[in-house]
Protein backbone atom coordinates (compact mmCIF):
# COMPACT_ATOMS: atom_id res chain seq x y z
CA UNK A 1 -15.18 -2.73 -17.86
CA UNK A 2 -11.49 -1.93 -18.47
CA UNK A 3 -9.54 -4.43 -16.35
CA UNK A 4 -6.56 -1.52 -16.53
CA UNK A 5 -3.95 -3.91 -17.38
CA UNK A 6 -3.04 -2.78 -20.91
CA UNK A 7 -1.66 -5.89 -21.85
CA UNK A 8 -1.63 -7.92 -25.08
CA UNK A 9 -3.52 -10.55 -25.55
CA UNK A 10 -0.58 -12.82 -25.06
CA UNK A 11 0.59 -11.26 -22.05
CA UNK A 12 -2.92 -11.38 -20.11
CA UNK A 13 -2.77 -15.01 -20.85
CA UNK A 14 0.57 -15.42 -19.06
CA UNK A 15 -0.59 -13.50 -16.10
CA UNK A 16 -3.95 -15.27 -16.12
CA UNK A 17 -1.86 -18.53 -15.70
CA UNK A 18 0.19 -17.52 -13.58
CA UNK A 19 -2.76 -16.56 -11.15
CA UNK A 20 -4.40 -19.92 -12.08
CA UNK A 21 -1.15 -21.76 -10.70
CA UNK A 22 -1.26 -19.15 -7.38
CA UNK A 23 -4.76 -20.62 -6.75
CA UNK A 24 -3.80 -23.96 -7.19
CA UNK A 25 -0.70 -23.93 -5.18
CA UNK A 26 -2.16 -21.63 -2.24
CA UNK A 27 -5.15 -23.81 -1.74
CA UNK A 28 -7.81 -22.98 0.83
CA UNK A 29 -7.54 -19.82 2.41
CA UNK A 30 -9.70 -17.27 4.66
CA UNK A 31 -9.83 -14.31 2.41
CA UNK A 32 -12.61 -12.57 0.67
CA UNK A 33 -12.74 -12.68 -3.09
CA UNK A 34 -11.39 -8.98 -3.34
CA UNK A 35 -9.15 -9.66 -0.51
CA UNK A 36 -7.83 -12.71 -2.40
CA UNK A 37 -6.90 -10.71 -5.36
CA UNK A 38 -4.78 -8.65 -3.25
CA UNK A 39 -2.76 -11.05 -1.71
CA UNK A 40 -2.76 -12.90 -4.70
CA UNK A 41 -1.03 -10.40 -6.67
CA UNK A 42 1.09 -9.76 -3.83
CA UNK A 43 2.38 -13.48 -4.13
CA UNK A 44 2.24 -13.13 -8.00
CA UNK A 45 5.01 -10.09 -7.50
CA UNK A 46 7.22 -11.98 -5.06
CA UNK A 47 6.65 -15.48 -5.94
CA UNK A 48 6.71 -16.20 -2.32
CA UNK A 49 3.51 -18.15 -0.81
CA UNK A 50 4.30 -17.05 2.74
CA UNK A 51 2.49 -13.96 1.92
CA UNK A 52 -0.44 -16.10 2.59
CA UNK A 53 0.24 -16.21 6.32
CA UNK A 54 1.93 -12.73 6.49
CA UNK A 55 -0.79 -10.45 5.16
CA UNK A 56 -3.46 -8.68 7.40
CA UNK A 57 -6.36 -6.74 6.04
CA UNK A 58 -8.74 -5.26 8.10
CA UNK A 59 -12.27 -5.40 7.37
CA UNK A 60 -13.18 -2.26 5.63
CA UNK A 61 -9.67 -1.95 3.63
CA UNK A 62 -10.65 -2.83 0.19
CA UNK A 63 -14.00 -0.72 -0.05
CA UNK A 64 -12.19 2.17 1.46
CA UNK A 65 -8.78 1.82 -0.48
CA UNK A 66 -11.29 1.38 -3.98
CA UNK A 67 -13.62 4.52 -2.80
CA UNK A 68 -10.54 6.60 -2.17
CA UNK A 69 -8.88 6.08 -5.33
CA UNK A 70 -12.11 6.20 -7.58
CA UNK A 71 -12.20 9.84 -5.66
CA UNK A 72 -8.69 10.63 -6.77
CA UNK A 73 -7.05 10.80 -3.47
CA UNK A 74 -3.69 11.46 -3.00
CA UNK A 75 -1.14 8.84 -2.75
CA UNK A 76 1.36 9.80 -0.27
CA UNK A 77 4.64 7.23 -0.02
CA UNK A 78 7.98 6.98 1.80
CA UNK A 79 10.06 6.29 -1.03
CA UNK A 80 10.53 7.23 -4.71
CA UNK A 81 10.70 3.63 -5.67
CA UNK A 82 6.95 3.08 -5.19
CA UNK A 83 5.99 6.03 -7.59
CA UNK A 84 8.53 4.50 -9.92
CA UNK A 85 6.55 1.33 -10.24
CA UNK A 86 2.87 2.88 -10.34
CA UNK A 87 1.25 2.66 -13.76
CA UNK A 88 0.50 6.58 -14.42
CA UNK A 89 -2.27 5.82 -16.94
CA UNK A 90 -3.99 4.10 -14.31
CA UNK A 91 -3.46 6.64 -11.72
CA UNK A 92 -4.69 9.64 -14.15
CA UNK A 93 -7.69 7.75 -14.78
CA UNK A 94 -8.69 9.12 -11.36
CA UNK A 95 -6.37 12.14 -11.37
CA UNK A 96 -4.92 10.58 -8.24
CA UNK A 97 -1.58 12.38 -7.72
CA UNK A 98 1.52 10.94 -5.89
CA UNK A 99 3.64 12.93 -3.12
CA UNK A 100 6.99 11.95 -1.82
CA UNK A 101 8.89 14.04 0.50
CA UNK A 102 12.07 12.07 1.72
CA UNK A 103 14.33 13.81 -0.42
CA UNK A 104 13.24 17.27 -0.04
CA UNK A 105 15.82 19.74 1.60
CA UNK A 106 13.57 20.79 4.48
CA UNK A 107 12.50 17.48 5.45
CA UNK A 108 16.55 16.48 5.20
CA UNK A 109 17.10 19.73 7.47
CA UNK A 110 14.31 18.96 10.02
CA UNK A 111 15.57 15.16 10.30
CA UNK A 112 19.06 16.35 11.18
CA UNK A 113 18.12 19.07 13.78
CA UNK A 114 15.39 16.70 15.85
CA UNK A 115 17.90 13.76 15.60
CA UNK A 116 14.71 11.94 13.66
CA UNK A 117 14.76 10.21 10.42
CA UNK A 118 14.05 11.20 7.05
CA UNK A 119 11.09 9.03 6.73
CA UNK A 120 9.42 10.35 9.81
CA UNK A 121 9.82 14.05 8.83
CA UNK A 122 8.60 13.46 5.06
CA UNK A 123 5.23 11.72 6.85
CA UNK A 124 5.03 14.59 9.41
CA UNK A 125 5.16 17.06 6.23
CA UNK A 126 2.40 15.35 4.52
CA UNK A 127 0.50 15.64 7.64
CA UNK A 128 1.52 19.54 7.99
CA UNK A 129 0.10 19.94 4.22
CA UNK A 130 -3.24 18.19 4.95
CA UNK A 131 -2.39 15.21 2.17
CA UNK A 132 -2.94 12.57 4.71
CA UNK A 133 -6.46 12.76 5.25
CA UNK A 134 -8.62 10.86 2.57
CA UNK A 135 -5.43 9.81 1.33
CA UNK A 136 -3.97 6.04 0.48
CA UNK A 137 -0.43 6.01 2.42
CA UNK A 138 2.10 3.27 1.17
CA UNK A 139 5.06 2.45 3.05
CA UNK A 140 7.35 0.01 1.61
CA UNK A 141 10.61 0.78 2.94
CA UNK A 142 10.89 2.75 6.23
CA UNK A 143 9.34 1.47 9.42
CA UNK A 144 9.88 4.65 10.98
CA UNK A 145 7.55 5.92 8.57
CA UNK A 146 4.72 3.20 9.27
CA UNK A 147 5.33 3.78 12.91
CA UNK A 148 4.98 7.82 12.47
CA UNK A 149 2.12 7.49 10.32
CA UNK A 150 0.15 5.37 13.25
CA UNK A 151 1.14 8.00 15.70
CA UNK A 152 -0.43 10.61 13.60
CA UNK A 153 -3.43 8.82 13.38
CA UNK A 154 -3.82 7.65 16.97
CA UNK A 155 -2.28 10.76 18.69
CA UNK A 156 -2.99 13.79 16.11
CA UNK A 157 -6.23 12.89 14.12
CA UNK A 158 -5.08 12.19 11.22
CA UNK A 159 -7.85 9.97 8.68
CA UNK A 160 -5.98 8.59 5.76
CA UNK A 161 -8.67 6.17 3.80
CA UNK A 162 -6.09 3.54 3.66
CA UNK A 163 -2.47 2.24 5.38
CA UNK A 164 -0.52 0.01 3.16
CA UNK A 165 2.09 -0.96 5.70
CA UNK A 166 4.63 -3.75 4.05
CA UNK A 167 8.33 -2.15 5.21
CA UNK A 168 10.91 -5.06 4.76
CA UNK A 169 13.94 -4.91 6.63
CA UNK A 170 15.42 -6.21 10.06
CA UNK A 171 15.52 -3.45 12.52
CA UNK A 172 11.92 -2.37 13.62
CA UNK A 173 10.31 -3.77 10.25
CA UNK A 174 8.17 -6.45 12.04
CA UNK A 175 7.35 -4.17 15.48
CA UNK A 176 6.28 -1.36 12.89
CA UNK A 177 3.86 -3.69 11.44
CA UNK A 178 2.15 -4.55 14.68
CA UNK A 179 2.06 -0.88 15.66
CA UNK A 180 0.33 -0.32 12.24
CA UNK A 181 -2.26 -2.97 13.28
CA UNK A 182 -3.73 -0.42 16.16
CA UNK A 183 -4.22 2.60 13.77
CA UNK A 184 -7.45 3.87 13.92
CA UNK A 185 -7.82 3.29 10.20
CA UNK A 186 -8.24 0.69 7.28
CA UNK A 187 -4.91 -0.95 6.67
CA UNK A 188 -3.46 -3.63 4.60
CA UNK A 189 -0.28 -5.04 6.43
CA UNK A 190 2.53 -7.74 5.60
CA UNK A 191 3.67 -8.91 8.95
CA UNK A 192 6.49 -9.84 9.86
CA UNK A 193 10.14 -8.91 8.37
CA UNK A 194 9.17 -9.77 4.51
CA UNK A 195 8.05 -6.58 2.52
CA UNK A 196 9.19 -4.07 0.12
CA UNK A 197 8.12 -1.76 -2.44
CA UNK A 198 7.18 -4.02 -5.00
CA UNK A 199 4.90 -5.32 -2.69
CA UNK A 200 3.29 -1.88 -2.03
CA UNK A 201 3.28 -1.05 -5.59
CA UNK A 202 1.48 -4.79 -6.25
CA UNK A 203 -1.37 -4.07 -3.64
CA UNK A 204 -2.22 -0.46 -5.47
CA UNK A 205 -2.29 -2.20 -8.59
CA UNK A 206 -4.78 -4.76 -7.01
CA UNK A 207 -6.93 -1.94 -5.45
CA UNK A 208 -7.03 -0.04 -9.29
CA UNK A 209 -7.82 -3.13 -10.93
CA UNK A 210 -10.58 -3.90 -8.46
CA UNK A 211 -11.71 -0.03 -8.54
CA UNK A 212 -13.45 -1.24 -12.13
CA UNK A 213 -15.53 -3.89 -10.76
CA UNK A 214 -18.99 -3.67 -9.03
CA UNK A 215 -18.21 -3.65 -5.20
CA UNK A 216 -20.83 -5.90 -4.09
CA UNK A 217 -18.68 -8.50 -2.41
CA UNK A 218 -16.23 -8.08 0.63
């Protein structure tokens, strides 16, 4: 099976060497084999071993995310930076389309009118358009988007296949992730203040790579 990495042999050796170092320095952990591939790629993207303690994955997160991607699910994000970081060829292999509404004129107007945020209104727009059900929703920047997604799930019946909740920051970032842990939906969350769009990208890429492997492990 293709590993989707699209690397030269030398590039693959460098990446494999990096993962070997991470495995050695990280030591023992309680993640399953496929969960560790996600967490390890987050550490690879950040050079920050604290994510070994910060990452939380619901029991069904990996399987649900992989199944959704294989099925060509929408990928709804809070900021365009996530889309910029995703490999288009990998997404096109499953015909997954990306959606970001934060800069849409109607979203901006509604946020101003309601004294809300563009991030909140962008998630509401995705819900109105029917894009959330079965989607992978990746939040890398805006805590208010993560809080709103959780509300849409718990109160309005939205049913994403997976929430990736990794917003970074000092105002409500940690709190929004605690809220996301209550979502009636599979989730991958980085608790605490740390996060960011590159982490969301790393998680999606990890799931895309896992999607090429047999699904016989947790």
